[in-house]
Every structure is written in C-alpha cells, then in structure tokens.
C-alpha cells in the first residue's frame, strides 16, 4: 500500500510536469490543445493557474 501511495504522489504531485505543460502550451499558442490526464486533480490545479 505504501508503494502505491508513493507512486501516486510522484505521478500527480510534481510541479515540474505542470511547468513543462505550461511551457508547451505557451510555445503552441494559439493552437487548440487536447490534454489527457488520469484524474481530475491535476487538471483542476492546472486550470486554476491558467
């Protein structure tokens, strides 16, 4: 169970992934972009910032 929680924390909690995503969106602005995520938590966090 601990390994599962640690894996989820790595997958969902890294600010680096959000920073890279923001950089990619900025590079390709104003193109339309589809972002697929496993859960809603990262997408809600990202949308609050942009």
C-alpha atoms as a PDB file:
ATOM      1  CA  UNK A   1       0.000   0.000   0.000  1.00  0.00           C
ATOM      2  CA  UNK A   2       2.844   2.408   0.773  1.00  0.00           C
ATOM      3  CA  UNK A   3       4.383   1.859  -2.663  1.00  0.00           C
ATOM      4  CA  UNK A   4       1.043   2.611  -4.299  1.00  0.00           C
ATOM      5  CA  UNK A   5       0.712   5.891  -2.398  1.00  0.00           C
ATOM      6  CA  UNK A   6       4.277   6.858  -3.251  1.00  0.00           C
ATOM      7  CA  UNK A   7       3.700   6.117  -6.932  1.00  0.00           C
ATOM      8  CA  UNK A   8       0.567   8.258  -6.945  1.00  0.00           C
ATOM      9  CA  UNK A   9       2.400  11.100  -5.217  1.00  0.00           C
ATOM     10  CA  UNK A  10       5.099  11.006  -7.893  1.00  0.00           C
ATOM     11  CA  UNK A  11       2.579  10.802 -10.735  1.00  0.00           C
ATOM     12  CA  UNK A  12       0.225  13.507  -9.503  1.00  0.00           C
ATOM     13  CA  UNK A  13       2.275  15.796  -7.336  1.00  0.00           C
ATOM     14  CA  UNK A  14       5.151  17.060  -9.407  1.00  0.00           C
ATOM     15  CA  UNK A  15       5.217  20.754 -10.169  1.00  0.00           C
ATOM     16  CA  UNK A  16       7.766  20.083 -12.904  1.00  0.00           C
ATOM     17  CA  UNK A  17       5.168  18.360 -15.058  1.00  0.00           C
ATOM     18  CA  UNK A  18       2.831  21.324 -14.757  1.00  0.00           C
ATOM     19  CA  UNK A  19       5.655  23.725 -15.591  1.00  0.00           C
ATOM     20  CA  UNK A  20       6.561  21.742 -18.724  1.00  0.00           C
ATOM     21  CA  UNK A  21       2.918  21.618 -19.756  1.00  0.00           C
ATOM     22  CA  UNK A  22       2.646  25.396 -19.331  1.00  0.00           C
ATOM     23  CA  UNK A  23       5.782  25.865 -21.447  1.00  0.00           C
ATOM     24  CA  UNK A  24       4.408  23.629 -24.209  1.00  0.00           C
ATOM     25  CA  UNK A  25       1.096  25.474 -24.237  1.00  0.00           C
ATOM     26  CA  UNK A  26       2.907  28.814 -24.438  1.00  0.00           C
ATOM     27  CA  UNK A  27       5.044  27.598 -27.349  1.00  0.00           C
ATOM     28  CA  UNK A  28       1.998  26.453 -29.318  1.00  0.00           C
ATOM     29  CA  UNK A  29      -0.337  29.322 -28.503  1.00  0.00           C
ATOM     30  CA  UNK A  30      -2.969  29.952 -30.012  1.00  0.00           C
ATOM     31  CA  UNK A  31      -3.266  26.387 -31.340  1.00  0.00           C
ATOM     32  CA  UNK A  32      -6.006  24.242 -29.848  1.00  0.00           C
ATOM     33  CA  UNK A  33      -4.684  21.578 -27.500  1.00  0.00           C
ATOM     34  CA  UNK A  34      -6.141  18.427 -26.002  1.00  0.00           C
ATOM     35  CA  UNK A  35      -4.649  17.358 -22.672  1.00  0.00           C
ATOM     36  CA  UNK A  36      -5.438  13.887 -21.351  1.00  0.00           C
ATOM     37  CA  UNK A  37      -4.947  13.192 -17.649  1.00  0.00           C
ATOM     38  CA  UNK A  38      -5.649  10.201 -15.451  1.00  0.00           C
ATOM     39  CA  UNK A  39      -7.547  12.122 -12.796  1.00  0.00           C
ATOM     40  CA  UNK A  40      -9.233  15.465 -12.376  1.00  0.00           C
ATOM     41  CA  UNK A  41      -6.981  16.677  -9.532  1.00  0.00           C
ATOM     42  CA  UNK A  42      -4.048  17.776 -11.740  1.00  0.00           C
ATOM     43  CA  UNK A  43      -6.329  19.343 -14.324  1.00  0.00           C
ATOM     44  CA  UNK A  44      -8.210  21.374 -11.735  1.00  0.00           C
ATOM     45  CA  UNK A  45      -4.930  22.583 -10.234  1.00  0.00           C
ATOM     46  CA  UNK A  46      -3.624  23.494 -13.698  1.00  0.00           C
ATOM     47  CA  UNK A  47      -6.788  25.316 -14.745  1.00  0.00           C
ATOM     48  CA  UNK A  48      -6.757  27.435 -11.602  1.00  0.00           C
ATOM     49  CA  UNK A  49      -3.342  28.765 -12.649  1.00  0.00           C
ATOM     50  CA  UNK A  50      -4.229  29.480 -16.303  1.00  0.00           C
END
